N, C-alpha and C. Protein backbone atom coordinates (compact mmCIF):
# COMPACT_ATOMS: atom_id res chain seq x y z
N MET A 1 20.02 -15.03 11.94
CA MET A 1 19.66 -13.64 12.23
C MET A 1 18.16 -13.53 12.45
N ALA A 2 17.76 -12.75 13.47
CA ALA A 2 16.35 -12.57 13.76
C ALA A 2 15.67 -11.78 12.66
N ALA A 3 14.36 -12.00 12.50
CA ALA A 3 13.60 -11.25 11.51
C ALA A 3 13.64 -9.77 11.86
N PRO A 4 13.75 -8.89 10.86
CA PRO A 4 13.81 -7.46 11.15
C PRO A 4 12.47 -6.91 11.63
N LEU A 5 12.54 -5.79 12.31
CA LEU A 5 11.35 -5.03 12.69
C LEU A 5 10.58 -4.68 11.42
N LYS A 6 9.28 -4.92 11.41
CA LYS A 6 8.45 -4.65 10.23
C LYS A 6 7.53 -3.46 10.50
N ILE A 7 7.68 -2.44 9.67
CA ILE A 7 6.85 -1.24 9.75
C ILE A 7 5.82 -1.28 8.63
N GLY A 8 4.55 -1.26 8.98
CA GLY A 8 3.50 -1.24 7.97
C GLY A 8 3.15 0.19 7.61
N LEU A 9 3.48 0.59 6.39
CA LEU A 9 3.22 1.95 5.91
C LEU A 9 1.89 1.96 5.14
N THR A 10 0.96 2.77 5.61
CA THR A 10 -0.34 2.81 4.96
C THR A 10 -0.88 4.23 4.95
N GLY A 11 -2.02 4.40 4.33
CA GLY A 11 -2.65 5.71 4.21
C GLY A 11 -3.63 5.68 3.06
N GLY A 12 -4.50 6.65 3.01
CA GLY A 12 -5.49 6.70 1.94
C GLY A 12 -4.85 7.02 0.60
N ILE A 13 -5.63 6.91 -0.45
CA ILE A 13 -5.15 7.20 -1.79
C ILE A 13 -4.63 8.64 -1.86
N ALA A 14 -3.51 8.81 -2.55
CA ALA A 14 -2.90 10.12 -2.78
C ALA A 14 -2.48 10.83 -1.49
N SER A 15 -2.18 10.03 -0.47
CA SER A 15 -1.73 10.64 0.79
C SER A 15 -0.23 10.90 0.79
N GLY A 16 0.50 10.26 -0.10
CA GLY A 16 1.95 10.45 -0.17
C GLY A 16 2.74 9.24 0.29
N LYS A 17 2.11 8.07 0.28
CA LYS A 17 2.81 6.85 0.75
C LYS A 17 4.07 6.57 -0.07
N SER A 18 3.98 6.71 -1.38
CA SER A 18 5.13 6.40 -2.23
C SER A 18 6.28 7.35 -1.96
N THR A 19 5.97 8.61 -1.75
CA THR A 19 7.02 9.59 -1.45
C THR A 19 7.71 9.25 -0.14
N VAL A 20 6.93 8.89 0.87
CA VAL A 20 7.50 8.51 2.17
C VAL A 20 8.34 7.25 2.02
N ALA A 21 7.85 6.27 1.27
CA ALA A 21 8.60 5.03 1.06
C ALA A 21 9.93 5.32 0.37
N ASP A 22 9.91 6.21 -0.62
CA ASP A 22 11.15 6.57 -1.32
C ASP A 22 12.16 7.19 -0.36
N LEU A 23 11.69 7.99 0.58
CA LEU A 23 12.59 8.62 1.55
C LEU A 23 13.23 7.58 2.46
N PHE A 24 12.45 6.57 2.85
CA PHE A 24 13.03 5.49 3.66
C PHE A 24 14.09 4.73 2.84
N GLU A 25 13.81 4.51 1.56
CA GLU A 25 14.77 3.82 0.71
C GLU A 25 16.06 4.62 0.60
N GLU A 26 15.95 5.94 0.51
CA GLU A 26 17.14 6.79 0.44
C GLU A 26 18.00 6.65 1.69
N LEU A 27 17.38 6.27 2.80
CA LEU A 27 18.10 6.08 4.05
C LEU A 27 18.67 4.67 4.18
N GLY A 28 18.54 3.88 3.11
CA GLY A 28 19.12 2.55 3.11
C GLY A 28 18.22 1.45 3.65
N ILE A 29 16.94 1.73 3.78
CA ILE A 29 15.99 0.77 4.33
C ILE A 29 15.29 0.01 3.21
N ASP A 30 15.14 -1.29 3.39
CA ASP A 30 14.42 -2.09 2.40
C ASP A 30 12.93 -1.76 2.45
N VAL A 31 12.35 -1.49 1.29
CA VAL A 31 10.93 -1.20 1.16
C VAL A 31 10.29 -2.30 0.33
N ILE A 32 9.24 -2.89 0.86
CA ILE A 32 8.52 -3.96 0.18
C ILE A 32 7.11 -3.44 -0.10
N ASP A 33 6.81 -3.23 -1.36
CA ASP A 33 5.58 -2.53 -1.76
C ASP A 33 4.55 -3.51 -2.31
N ALA A 34 3.38 -3.55 -1.67
CA ALA A 34 2.33 -4.48 -2.10
C ALA A 34 1.87 -4.22 -3.53
N ASP A 35 1.79 -2.95 -3.91
CA ASP A 35 1.34 -2.63 -5.27
C ASP A 35 2.35 -3.10 -6.32
N ARG A 36 3.64 -2.92 -6.03
CA ARG A 36 4.66 -3.40 -6.97
C ARG A 36 4.59 -4.91 -7.12
N ILE A 37 4.44 -5.59 -5.99
CA ILE A 37 4.35 -7.04 -6.03
C ILE A 37 3.12 -7.47 -6.81
N SER A 38 2.02 -6.77 -6.60
CA SER A 38 0.79 -7.09 -7.31
C SER A 38 0.99 -7.03 -8.82
N ARG A 39 1.71 -6.01 -9.29
CA ARG A 39 1.97 -5.88 -10.73
C ARG A 39 2.84 -7.03 -11.23
N GLU A 40 3.84 -7.40 -10.41
CA GLU A 40 4.73 -8.49 -10.82
C GLU A 40 3.98 -9.81 -10.91
N LEU A 41 3.04 -10.02 -10.02
CA LEU A 41 2.33 -11.31 -9.96
C LEU A 41 1.31 -11.49 -11.07
N VAL A 42 0.96 -10.41 -11.76
CA VAL A 42 -0.05 -10.53 -12.83
C VAL A 42 0.55 -10.20 -14.19
N GLU A 43 1.84 -10.47 -14.34
CA GLU A 43 2.46 -10.30 -15.66
C GLU A 43 1.78 -11.26 -16.65
N PRO A 44 1.80 -10.91 -17.94
CA PRO A 44 1.17 -11.79 -18.94
C PRO A 44 1.67 -13.23 -18.82
N GLY A 45 0.72 -14.17 -18.83
CA GLY A 45 1.05 -15.58 -18.74
C GLY A 45 1.15 -16.12 -17.33
N SER A 46 1.02 -15.24 -16.32
CA SER A 46 1.16 -15.69 -14.94
C SER A 46 -0.10 -16.44 -14.49
N PRO A 47 0.05 -17.37 -13.54
CA PRO A 47 -1.13 -18.10 -13.04
C PRO A 47 -2.19 -17.19 -12.44
N LEU A 48 -1.79 -16.13 -11.76
CA LEU A 48 -2.78 -15.24 -11.14
C LEU A 48 -3.58 -14.48 -12.21
N LEU A 49 -2.91 -14.08 -13.27
CA LEU A 49 -3.63 -13.38 -14.34
C LEU A 49 -4.64 -14.33 -14.99
N GLU A 50 -4.26 -15.58 -15.13
CA GLU A 50 -5.19 -16.56 -15.69
C GLU A 50 -6.40 -16.74 -14.78
N GLN A 51 -6.16 -16.73 -13.46
CA GLN A 51 -7.28 -16.84 -12.52
C GLN A 51 -8.22 -15.64 -12.64
N ILE A 52 -7.64 -14.45 -12.78
CA ILE A 52 -8.47 -13.24 -12.92
C ILE A 52 -9.32 -13.33 -14.17
N GLU A 53 -8.71 -13.79 -15.26
CA GLU A 53 -9.46 -13.92 -16.52
C GLU A 53 -10.57 -14.97 -16.38
N ASP A 54 -10.26 -16.08 -15.73
CA ASP A 54 -11.25 -17.14 -15.56
C ASP A 54 -12.43 -16.69 -14.69
N ARG A 55 -12.12 -15.96 -13.61
CA ARG A 55 -13.14 -15.59 -12.63
C ARG A 55 -13.90 -14.32 -13.00
N LEU A 56 -13.21 -13.37 -13.63
CA LEU A 56 -13.85 -12.07 -13.90
C LEU A 56 -14.12 -11.81 -15.38
N GLY A 57 -13.47 -12.59 -16.25
CA GLY A 57 -13.74 -12.44 -17.67
C GLY A 57 -12.58 -11.85 -18.45
N SER A 58 -12.56 -12.11 -19.75
CA SER A 58 -11.48 -11.66 -20.61
C SER A 58 -11.57 -10.17 -20.94
N ALA A 59 -12.64 -9.52 -20.55
CA ALA A 59 -12.80 -8.09 -20.84
C ALA A 59 -11.73 -7.25 -20.16
N PHE A 60 -11.09 -7.83 -19.13
CA PHE A 60 -10.10 -7.07 -18.37
C PHE A 60 -8.66 -7.41 -18.79
N ILE A 61 -8.53 -8.12 -19.91
CA ILE A 61 -7.22 -8.44 -20.48
C ILE A 61 -7.11 -7.70 -21.81
N ASP A 62 -6.04 -6.91 -21.98
CA ASP A 62 -5.93 -6.12 -23.20
C ASP A 62 -5.38 -6.95 -24.36
N ALA A 63 -5.20 -6.30 -25.50
CA ALA A 63 -4.80 -7.02 -26.73
C ALA A 63 -3.40 -7.62 -26.62
N LEU A 64 -2.58 -7.11 -25.68
CA LEU A 64 -1.23 -7.63 -25.49
C LEU A 64 -1.16 -8.66 -24.37
N GLY A 65 -2.33 -9.06 -23.87
CA GLY A 65 -2.36 -10.06 -22.82
C GLY A 65 -2.06 -9.53 -21.44
N ARG A 66 -2.14 -8.22 -21.27
CA ARG A 66 -1.87 -7.60 -19.98
C ARG A 66 -3.17 -7.25 -19.27
N LEU A 67 -3.08 -7.11 -17.98
CA LEU A 67 -4.25 -6.73 -17.20
C LEU A 67 -4.59 -5.27 -17.50
N ASP A 68 -5.84 -5.02 -17.84
CA ASP A 68 -6.33 -3.66 -18.08
C ASP A 68 -6.73 -3.07 -16.73
N ARG A 69 -5.77 -2.43 -16.08
CA ARG A 69 -5.98 -1.97 -14.71
C ARG A 69 -7.05 -0.90 -14.60
N THR A 70 -7.07 0.01 -15.56
CA THR A 70 -8.05 1.10 -15.51
C THR A 70 -9.47 0.54 -15.60
N ARG A 71 -9.69 -0.33 -16.54
CA ARG A 71 -11.03 -0.91 -16.72
C ARG A 71 -11.43 -1.76 -15.51
N LEU A 72 -10.46 -2.52 -14.99
CA LEU A 72 -10.76 -3.37 -13.83
C LEU A 72 -11.06 -2.52 -12.61
N ARG A 73 -10.30 -1.45 -12.40
CA ARG A 73 -10.53 -0.58 -11.25
C ARG A 73 -11.94 0.02 -11.30
N GLU A 74 -12.33 0.50 -12.47
CA GLU A 74 -13.67 1.08 -12.61
C GLU A 74 -14.75 0.04 -12.30
N HIS A 75 -14.51 -1.19 -12.72
CA HIS A 75 -15.50 -2.26 -12.53
C HIS A 75 -15.64 -2.64 -11.06
N ILE A 76 -14.52 -2.83 -10.38
CA ILE A 76 -14.62 -3.34 -9.01
C ILE A 76 -15.18 -2.29 -8.04
N PHE A 77 -15.01 -1.02 -8.34
CA PHE A 77 -15.57 -0.01 -7.45
C PHE A 77 -17.08 0.10 -7.61
N SER A 78 -17.61 -0.44 -8.69
CA SER A 78 -19.06 -0.45 -8.90
C SER A 78 -19.68 -1.81 -8.61
N HIS A 79 -18.84 -2.84 -8.46
CA HIS A 79 -19.33 -4.20 -8.25
C HIS A 79 -18.58 -4.84 -7.07
N PRO A 80 -19.10 -4.70 -5.86
CA PRO A 80 -18.43 -5.22 -4.66
C PRO A 80 -18.10 -6.71 -4.73
N LYS A 81 -18.98 -7.50 -5.36
CA LYS A 81 -18.72 -8.94 -5.45
C LYS A 81 -17.46 -9.20 -6.27
N ALA A 82 -17.30 -8.48 -7.37
CA ALA A 82 -16.11 -8.64 -8.20
C ALA A 82 -14.86 -8.20 -7.44
N ARG A 83 -15.01 -7.18 -6.66
CA ARG A 83 -13.87 -6.72 -5.86
C ARG A 83 -13.44 -7.80 -4.86
N LYS A 84 -14.40 -8.43 -4.22
CA LYS A 84 -14.08 -9.50 -3.27
C LYS A 84 -13.39 -10.67 -3.98
N THR A 85 -13.86 -10.98 -5.17
CA THR A 85 -13.24 -12.06 -5.95
C THR A 85 -11.79 -11.73 -6.26
N LEU A 86 -11.56 -10.50 -6.71
CA LEU A 86 -10.20 -10.08 -7.04
C LEU A 86 -9.30 -10.12 -5.81
N GLU A 87 -9.80 -9.63 -4.70
CA GLU A 87 -9.01 -9.64 -3.46
C GLU A 87 -8.68 -11.06 -3.03
N GLY A 88 -9.64 -11.97 -3.22
CA GLY A 88 -9.40 -13.36 -2.86
C GLY A 88 -8.31 -14.02 -3.69
N ILE A 89 -8.15 -13.55 -4.92
CA ILE A 89 -7.10 -14.07 -5.79
C ILE A 89 -5.75 -13.45 -5.43
N LEU A 90 -5.72 -12.14 -5.26
CA LEU A 90 -4.46 -11.43 -5.13
C LEU A 90 -3.88 -11.39 -3.72
N HIS A 91 -4.72 -11.10 -2.73
CA HIS A 91 -4.18 -10.79 -1.41
C HIS A 91 -3.36 -11.91 -0.77
N PRO A 92 -3.81 -13.17 -0.82
CA PRO A 92 -2.97 -14.22 -0.21
C PRO A 92 -1.59 -14.33 -0.87
N ALA A 93 -1.55 -14.22 -2.19
CA ALA A 93 -0.27 -14.33 -2.90
C ALA A 93 0.63 -13.14 -2.60
N ILE A 94 0.05 -11.96 -2.53
CA ILE A 94 0.85 -10.77 -2.22
C ILE A 94 1.40 -10.87 -0.81
N ARG A 95 0.56 -11.28 0.12
CA ARG A 95 1.01 -11.40 1.51
C ARG A 95 2.16 -12.41 1.64
N GLU A 96 2.03 -13.55 0.99
CA GLU A 96 3.08 -14.57 1.07
C GLU A 96 4.40 -14.03 0.51
N GLU A 97 4.34 -13.32 -0.60
CA GLU A 97 5.55 -12.77 -1.21
C GLU A 97 6.17 -11.70 -0.31
N MET A 98 5.35 -10.88 0.31
CA MET A 98 5.87 -9.85 1.21
C MET A 98 6.57 -10.47 2.41
N GLU A 99 5.96 -11.51 2.97
CA GLU A 99 6.56 -12.17 4.13
C GLU A 99 7.90 -12.80 3.76
N GLN A 100 7.97 -13.41 2.58
CA GLN A 100 9.23 -14.02 2.14
C GLN A 100 10.32 -12.96 1.99
N ARG A 101 9.99 -11.85 1.38
CA ARG A 101 10.99 -10.80 1.17
C ARG A 101 11.42 -10.18 2.49
N ALA A 102 10.49 -10.04 3.43
CA ALA A 102 10.84 -9.48 4.73
C ALA A 102 11.81 -10.40 5.47
N ARG A 103 11.56 -11.70 5.39
CA ARG A 103 12.45 -12.65 6.07
C ARG A 103 13.86 -12.62 5.49
N LYS A 104 13.97 -12.35 4.21
CA LYS A 104 15.28 -12.34 3.55
C LYS A 104 16.02 -11.02 3.72
N SER A 105 15.34 -10.00 4.21
CA SER A 105 15.95 -8.68 4.32
C SER A 105 17.08 -8.67 5.35
N ARG A 106 18.12 -7.90 5.05
CA ARG A 106 19.21 -7.68 6.00
C ARG A 106 19.23 -6.23 6.46
N SER A 107 18.16 -5.53 6.18
CA SER A 107 18.00 -4.16 6.65
C SER A 107 17.68 -4.18 8.15
N PRO A 108 18.08 -3.17 8.94
CA PRO A 108 17.78 -3.17 10.37
C PRO A 108 16.28 -3.21 10.65
N TYR A 109 15.51 -2.65 9.76
CA TYR A 109 14.06 -2.78 9.79
C TYR A 109 13.58 -2.70 8.35
N VAL A 110 12.38 -3.15 8.09
CA VAL A 110 11.83 -3.09 6.74
C VAL A 110 10.51 -2.33 6.76
N VAL A 111 10.23 -1.66 5.66
CA VAL A 111 8.97 -0.94 5.51
C VAL A 111 8.10 -1.71 4.51
N LEU A 112 6.93 -2.14 4.96
CA LEU A 112 5.98 -2.84 4.11
C LEU A 112 4.87 -1.84 3.73
N VAL A 113 4.84 -1.48 2.46
CA VAL A 113 3.83 -0.53 2.00
C VAL A 113 2.57 -1.30 1.63
N ILE A 114 1.52 -1.13 2.45
CA ILE A 114 0.27 -1.88 2.24
C ILE A 114 -0.88 -0.88 2.28
N PRO A 115 -1.34 -0.40 1.13
CA PRO A 115 -2.40 0.61 1.10
C PRO A 115 -3.66 0.19 1.86
N LEU A 116 -4.02 -1.08 1.77
CA LEU A 116 -5.25 -1.56 2.41
C LEU A 116 -4.95 -2.37 3.68
N LEU A 117 -3.94 -1.96 4.40
CA LEU A 117 -3.53 -2.68 5.61
C LEU A 117 -4.68 -2.79 6.61
N ILE A 118 -5.34 -1.70 6.87
CA ILE A 118 -6.43 -1.70 7.86
C ILE A 118 -7.66 -2.41 7.29
N GLU A 119 -7.99 -2.09 6.03
CA GLU A 119 -9.19 -2.64 5.41
C GLU A 119 -9.16 -4.16 5.33
N THR A 120 -7.98 -4.72 5.13
CA THR A 120 -7.87 -6.17 4.95
C THR A 120 -7.46 -6.89 6.24
N GLY A 121 -7.38 -6.16 7.34
CA GLY A 121 -7.11 -6.79 8.63
C GLY A 121 -5.75 -7.46 8.72
N GLN A 122 -4.74 -6.84 8.11
CA GLN A 122 -3.41 -7.45 8.10
C GLN A 122 -2.48 -6.84 9.14
N GLN A 123 -3.05 -6.27 10.20
CA GLN A 123 -2.23 -5.61 11.21
C GLN A 123 -1.21 -6.56 11.83
N GLU A 124 -1.58 -7.84 11.96
CA GLU A 124 -0.67 -8.78 12.60
C GLU A 124 0.55 -9.09 11.74
N LEU A 125 0.54 -8.66 10.50
CA LEU A 125 1.68 -8.88 9.61
C LEU A 125 2.86 -7.99 9.96
N VAL A 126 2.61 -6.90 10.68
CA VAL A 126 3.66 -5.92 10.97
C VAL A 126 3.79 -5.70 12.47
N ASP A 127 4.92 -5.08 12.86
CA ASP A 127 5.16 -4.79 14.28
C ASP A 127 4.66 -3.41 14.67
N ARG A 128 4.68 -2.49 13.72
CA ARG A 128 4.17 -1.14 13.96
C ARG A 128 3.47 -0.65 12.71
N ILE A 129 2.50 0.24 12.91
CA ILE A 129 1.76 0.81 11.79
C ILE A 129 2.07 2.30 11.69
N LEU A 130 2.54 2.71 10.51
CA LEU A 130 2.81 4.11 10.22
C LEU A 130 1.78 4.60 9.21
N VAL A 131 1.00 5.59 9.60
CA VAL A 131 -0.03 6.14 8.73
C VAL A 131 0.42 7.49 8.18
N VAL A 132 0.35 7.63 6.86
CA VAL A 132 0.56 8.93 6.22
C VAL A 132 -0.82 9.57 6.10
N ASP A 133 -0.98 10.71 6.73
CA ASP A 133 -2.31 11.31 6.87
C ASP A 133 -2.40 12.66 6.17
N VAL A 134 -3.47 12.85 5.42
CA VAL A 134 -3.81 14.15 4.83
C VAL A 134 -5.32 14.32 4.91
N PRO A 135 -5.83 15.55 4.91
CA PRO A 135 -7.28 15.76 4.88
C PRO A 135 -7.90 15.16 3.62
N GLU A 136 -9.14 14.71 3.72
CA GLU A 136 -9.80 14.06 2.58
C GLU A 136 -9.92 15.00 1.39
N ARG A 137 -10.15 16.27 1.65
CA ARG A 137 -10.28 17.22 0.53
C ARG A 137 -8.99 17.26 -0.29
N ALA A 138 -7.85 17.22 0.40
CA ALA A 138 -6.57 17.21 -0.30
C ALA A 138 -6.39 15.92 -1.09
N GLN A 139 -6.85 14.79 -0.53
CA GLN A 139 -6.76 13.52 -1.25
C GLN A 139 -7.52 13.60 -2.57
N ILE A 140 -8.75 14.13 -2.51
CA ILE A 140 -9.57 14.21 -3.72
C ILE A 140 -8.90 15.09 -4.76
N GLU A 141 -8.39 16.23 -4.34
CA GLU A 141 -7.73 17.15 -5.28
C GLU A 141 -6.51 16.48 -5.92
N ARG A 142 -5.73 15.77 -5.11
CA ARG A 142 -4.51 15.14 -5.62
C ARG A 142 -4.82 14.01 -6.60
N VAL A 143 -5.80 13.17 -6.25
CA VAL A 143 -6.06 12.01 -7.12
C VAL A 143 -6.73 12.45 -8.42
N VAL A 144 -7.54 13.50 -8.39
CA VAL A 144 -8.14 14.02 -9.61
C VAL A 144 -7.05 14.52 -10.55
N GLU A 145 -6.09 15.25 -9.98
CA GLU A 145 -4.99 15.78 -10.79
C GLU A 145 -4.06 14.67 -11.27
N ARG A 146 -3.76 13.71 -10.39
CA ARG A 146 -2.80 12.65 -10.72
C ARG A 146 -3.35 11.67 -11.73
N ASP A 147 -4.60 11.22 -11.53
CA ASP A 147 -5.16 10.13 -12.34
C ASP A 147 -6.10 10.61 -13.44
N GLY A 148 -6.41 11.89 -13.45
CA GLY A 148 -7.30 12.41 -14.49
C GLY A 148 -8.72 11.89 -14.40
N ILE A 149 -9.19 11.63 -13.17
CA ILE A 149 -10.56 11.15 -12.98
C ILE A 149 -11.41 12.26 -12.39
N SER A 150 -12.70 12.03 -12.33
CA SER A 150 -13.60 13.04 -11.78
C SER A 150 -13.55 13.03 -10.26
N ALA A 151 -14.02 14.13 -9.67
CA ALA A 151 -14.08 14.21 -8.21
C ALA A 151 -15.02 13.14 -7.66
N GLU A 152 -16.08 12.82 -8.41
CA GLU A 152 -17.02 11.78 -7.97
C GLU A 152 -16.35 10.42 -7.92
N GLN A 153 -15.55 10.11 -8.94
CA GLN A 153 -14.82 8.84 -8.94
C GLN A 153 -13.83 8.79 -7.77
N ALA A 154 -13.18 9.92 -7.53
CA ALA A 154 -12.22 9.97 -6.42
C ALA A 154 -12.92 9.73 -5.09
N ARG A 155 -14.10 10.29 -4.92
CA ARG A 155 -14.85 10.09 -3.67
C ARG A 155 -15.26 8.62 -3.50
N LYS A 156 -15.61 7.97 -4.61
CA LYS A 156 -15.96 6.55 -4.53
C LYS A 156 -14.78 5.72 -4.05
N ILE A 157 -13.59 6.07 -4.53
CA ILE A 157 -12.39 5.35 -4.09
C ILE A 157 -12.19 5.57 -2.60
N LEU A 158 -12.34 6.80 -2.15
CA LEU A 158 -12.18 7.09 -0.72
C LEU A 158 -13.20 6.32 0.12
N GLU A 159 -14.43 6.24 -0.39
CA GLU A 159 -15.49 5.54 0.35
C GLU A 159 -15.20 4.05 0.47
N SER A 160 -14.41 3.50 -0.46
CA SER A 160 -14.09 2.07 -0.42
C SER A 160 -12.96 1.77 0.54
N GLN A 161 -12.29 2.82 1.02
CA GLN A 161 -11.16 2.64 1.93
C GLN A 161 -11.59 2.91 3.37
N ALA A 162 -10.69 2.59 4.29
CA ALA A 162 -10.96 2.87 5.71
C ALA A 162 -11.14 4.36 5.91
N LYS A 163 -11.99 4.72 6.87
CA LYS A 163 -12.17 6.12 7.21
C LYS A 163 -10.88 6.65 7.83
N ARG A 164 -10.69 7.94 7.66
CA ARG A 164 -9.48 8.57 8.17
C ARG A 164 -9.29 8.30 9.67
N ASP A 165 -10.36 8.42 10.45
CA ASP A 165 -10.22 8.22 11.89
C ASP A 165 -9.94 6.77 12.24
N GLU A 166 -10.39 5.83 11.39
CA GLU A 166 -10.08 4.41 11.62
C GLU A 166 -8.59 4.14 11.44
N ARG A 167 -8.01 4.73 10.40
CA ARG A 167 -6.57 4.56 10.19
C ARG A 167 -5.78 5.17 11.34
N LEU A 168 -6.17 6.37 11.75
CA LEU A 168 -5.44 7.05 12.81
C LEU A 168 -5.55 6.30 14.13
N ALA A 169 -6.71 5.69 14.38
CA ALA A 169 -6.89 4.92 15.61
C ALA A 169 -5.99 3.70 15.64
N ALA A 170 -5.66 3.15 14.47
CA ALA A 170 -4.82 1.95 14.39
C ALA A 170 -3.33 2.27 14.36
N ALA A 171 -2.99 3.54 14.22
CA ALA A 171 -1.60 3.94 14.00
C ALA A 171 -0.77 3.91 15.27
N ASP A 172 0.47 3.45 15.12
CA ASP A 172 1.48 3.64 16.16
C ASP A 172 2.23 4.95 15.93
N ASP A 173 2.39 5.30 14.65
CA ASP A 173 3.09 6.52 14.26
C ASP A 173 2.31 7.18 13.13
N VAL A 174 2.35 8.51 13.08
CA VAL A 174 1.61 9.26 12.06
C VAL A 174 2.53 10.32 11.45
N ILE A 175 2.50 10.41 10.13
CA ILE A 175 3.13 11.52 9.41
C ILE A 175 2.02 12.35 8.81
N ARG A 176 1.94 13.63 9.20
CA ARG A 176 0.96 14.55 8.62
C ARG A 176 1.59 15.17 7.38
N ASN A 177 1.16 14.71 6.23
CA ASN A 177 1.76 15.15 4.97
C ASN A 177 1.05 16.37 4.41
N THR A 178 1.15 17.45 5.15
CA THR A 178 0.50 18.69 4.72
C THR A 178 1.48 19.85 4.62
N GLY A 179 2.76 19.57 4.88
CA GLY A 179 3.76 20.63 4.86
C GLY A 179 4.64 20.57 3.62
N SER A 180 5.84 21.09 3.76
CA SER A 180 6.79 21.15 2.65
C SER A 180 7.52 19.82 2.48
N PRO A 181 8.16 19.62 1.32
CA PRO A 181 8.99 18.41 1.14
C PRO A 181 10.08 18.31 2.19
N ASP A 182 10.64 19.42 2.60
CA ASP A 182 11.70 19.39 3.62
C ASP A 182 11.16 18.92 4.96
N SER A 183 9.96 19.37 5.32
CA SER A 183 9.39 18.94 6.60
C SER A 183 9.02 17.47 6.56
N LEU A 184 8.60 16.99 5.39
CA LEU A 184 8.30 15.56 5.25
C LEU A 184 9.57 14.73 5.43
N ARG A 185 10.64 15.18 4.82
CA ARG A 185 11.92 14.47 4.95
C ARG A 185 12.36 14.45 6.41
N GLU A 186 12.18 15.55 7.12
CA GLU A 186 12.56 15.62 8.53
C GLU A 186 11.76 14.62 9.36
N GLU A 187 10.48 14.49 9.05
CA GLU A 187 9.63 13.53 9.77
C GLU A 187 10.11 12.10 9.54
N VAL A 188 10.44 11.78 8.29
CA VAL A 188 10.92 10.44 7.97
C VAL A 188 12.25 10.18 8.68
N GLU A 189 13.14 11.14 8.69
CA GLU A 189 14.43 10.97 9.36
C GLU A 189 14.26 10.79 10.86
N ARG A 190 13.30 11.50 11.45
CA ARG A 190 13.02 11.34 12.87
C ARG A 190 12.52 9.93 13.17
N LEU A 191 11.60 9.43 12.36
CA LEU A 191 11.09 8.08 12.56
C LEU A 191 12.17 7.04 12.27
N HIS A 192 13.01 7.31 11.31
CA HIS A 192 14.11 6.40 11.00
C HIS A 192 14.99 6.19 12.24
N ARG A 193 15.33 7.26 12.91
CA ARG A 193 16.14 7.15 14.12
C ARG A 193 15.40 6.35 15.20
N HIS A 194 14.11 6.61 15.31
CA HIS A 194 13.29 5.90 16.29
C HIS A 194 13.23 4.41 15.98
N TYR A 195 13.03 4.07 14.72
CA TYR A 195 12.93 2.66 14.34
C TYR A 195 14.27 1.94 14.52
N LEU A 196 15.36 2.63 14.26
CA LEU A 196 16.67 2.02 14.50
C LEU A 196 16.84 1.70 15.98
N GLN A 197 16.37 2.58 16.85
CA GLN A 197 16.45 2.33 18.28
C GLN A 197 15.59 1.13 18.66
N LEU A 198 14.39 1.08 18.11
CA LEU A 198 13.50 -0.05 18.41
C LEU A 198 14.10 -1.36 17.93
N ALA A 199 14.65 -1.34 16.71
CA ALA A 199 15.23 -2.55 16.14
C ALA A 199 16.40 -3.03 16.99
N GLY A 200 17.17 -2.09 17.50
CA GLY A 200 18.32 -2.45 18.30
C GLY A 200 17.97 -2.93 19.71
N SER A 201 16.77 -2.59 20.17
CA SER A 201 16.36 -2.97 21.53
C SER A 201 15.39 -4.14 21.54
N GLY A 202 15.22 -4.79 20.39
CA GLY A 202 14.32 -5.94 20.33
C GLY A 202 12.85 -5.60 20.20
N PHE A 203 12.57 -4.42 19.63
CA PHE A 203 11.20 -3.98 19.29
C PHE A 203 10.39 -3.56 20.53
N ASP A 204 10.96 -3.41 21.66
CA ASP A 204 10.18 -3.05 22.86
C ASP A 204 9.57 -1.67 22.72
């Protein structure tokens, strides 16, 4: 069986990527999430977690031997070199795992959720790019409420990601997540029909 059509789902922080991914899953489509895989790969005792401890220090490992994500996130946004080190450890392993899962999928197409798809230059990993788009002001409000951080911290996270216009320029498809849950569902269902057509026609 040929490899399925791969849709790269991306967007800035708090844009609604997880909600969109869940809607695709409800339609019976396999969703492969980079963040979920990242968590699985750094379980206590894993080789990648040991690499993180060796390269960045034991300060980011909690008393139960787990990765202290909050502390690490705060550190890497203030220390670009540490962020590059972390990405060098995680990204190749995450990419390999995503590719393996995509090859094994029997879904007519698969959705690969990659928050930093544009930033990490992984466009060639997918056949189409779907961007979930919201205004930056809405992103800041959502992430402050969701994560309990300050607006300044939220802006730093946004500054570390691709600019909104950069993501939109790379997009094949865009979902504007500024309406109601019903309108979002309608958008996903519309794209679902489109992707099924593409998958059936050999991705043309």
